[in-house]
Amino acid sequence: MTVPSKKALKSETVKVTLIKSPIRRQAYQSACLVGLGLRKLHSSRVLEDTPCVRGMIEKVKHLLRIEG
């Protein structure tokens, strides 16, 4: 696994952390979290900042902490 450079982390990526449980949420919200790679509370992922990823984040933004 390669470590992205600091420049790449600032401009082309977004870090998301799951801060609320997906239990008792609608199925599409749970599917968005799985698609983002967030399965457990307080898990974090650094994702590419693309329109698809931004759309999935928008659907579940009330469950996430978004950085960068």
Protein backbone atom coordinates (compact mmCIF):
# COMPACT_ATOMS: atom_id res chain seq x y z
CA MET A 1 0.00 0.00 0.00
CA THR A 2 1.41 3.36 -0.95
CA VAL A 3 1.14 6.42 1.23
CA PRO A 4 -0.31 9.44 -0.58
CA SER A 5 1.69 12.65 -0.52
CA LYS A 6 0.56 15.64 1.56
CA LYS A 7 -0.37 17.52 -1.60
CA ALA A 8 -2.64 14.70 -2.74
CA LEU A 9 -4.29 14.53 0.68
CA LYS A 10 -5.17 18.22 0.59
CA SER A 11 -6.44 18.69 -2.94
CA GLU A 12 -7.80 15.43 -4.33
CA THR A 13 -9.01 13.46 -1.33
CA VAL A 14 -11.55 13.68 1.45
CA LYS A 15 -11.40 11.93 4.83
CA VAL A 16 -14.67 10.62 6.25
CA THR A 17 -15.27 9.08 9.69
CA LEU A 18 -18.41 7.23 10.76
CA ILE A 19 -19.62 8.86 13.98
CA LYS A 20 -23.22 7.59 14.23
CA SER A 21 -24.61 4.09 13.90
CA PRO A 22 -26.38 2.99 10.71
CA ILE A 23 -28.74 0.80 12.77
CA ARG A 24 -32.42 1.62 12.09
CA ARG A 25 -31.55 3.67 9.02
CA GLN A 26 -32.99 3.22 5.57
CA ALA A 27 -31.39 0.56 3.37
CA TYR A 28 -29.94 3.04 0.87
CA GLN A 29 -28.05 4.80 3.67
CA SER A 30 -26.48 1.56 4.88
CA ALA A 31 -25.57 0.74 1.28
CA CYS A 32 -23.87 4.13 0.88
CA LEU A 33 -21.79 3.50 4.01
CA VAL A 34 -20.71 0.09 2.73
CA GLY A 35 -19.86 1.68 -0.62
CA LEU A 36 -17.71 4.23 1.16
CA GLY A 37 -15.97 1.42 3.06
CA LEU A 38 -17.27 2.42 6.50
CA ARG A 39 -18.47 -0.56 8.48
CA LYS A 40 -17.74 0.15 12.17
CA LEU A 41 -18.16 3.24 14.31
CA HIS A 42 -15.16 5.58 14.34
CA SER A 43 -13.68 3.94 11.26
CA SER A 44 -12.10 6.38 8.81
CA ARG A 45 -11.32 6.29 5.12
CA VAL A 46 -9.44 8.63 2.82
CA LEU A 47 -11.30 8.65 -0.48
CA GLU A 48 -10.82 10.31 -3.85
CA ASP A 49 -12.82 13.50 -4.19
CA THR A 50 -15.06 12.55 -7.13
CA PRO A 51 -18.68 13.44 -7.89
CA CYS A 52 -19.75 9.84 -7.12
CA VAL A 53 -18.13 9.87 -3.70
CA ARG A 54 -19.50 13.36 -2.95
CA GLY A 55 -23.01 12.12 -3.83
CA MET A 56 -22.75 9.18 -1.44
CA ILE A 57 -21.39 11.44 1.30
CA GLU A 58 -24.32 13.83 0.77
CA LYS A 59 -26.81 10.98 1.36
CA VAL A 60 -25.31 10.10 4.76
CA LYS A 61 -23.68 13.35 5.88
CA HIS A 62 -25.64 13.26 9.15
CA LEU A 63 -23.75 10.07 10.11
CA LEU A 64 -20.26 11.27 9.13
CA ARG A 65 -17.52 13.67 10.08
CA ILE A 66 -15.99 15.09 6.88
CA GLU A 67 -12.45 16.49 6.79
CA GLY A 68 -10.66 18.04 3.85
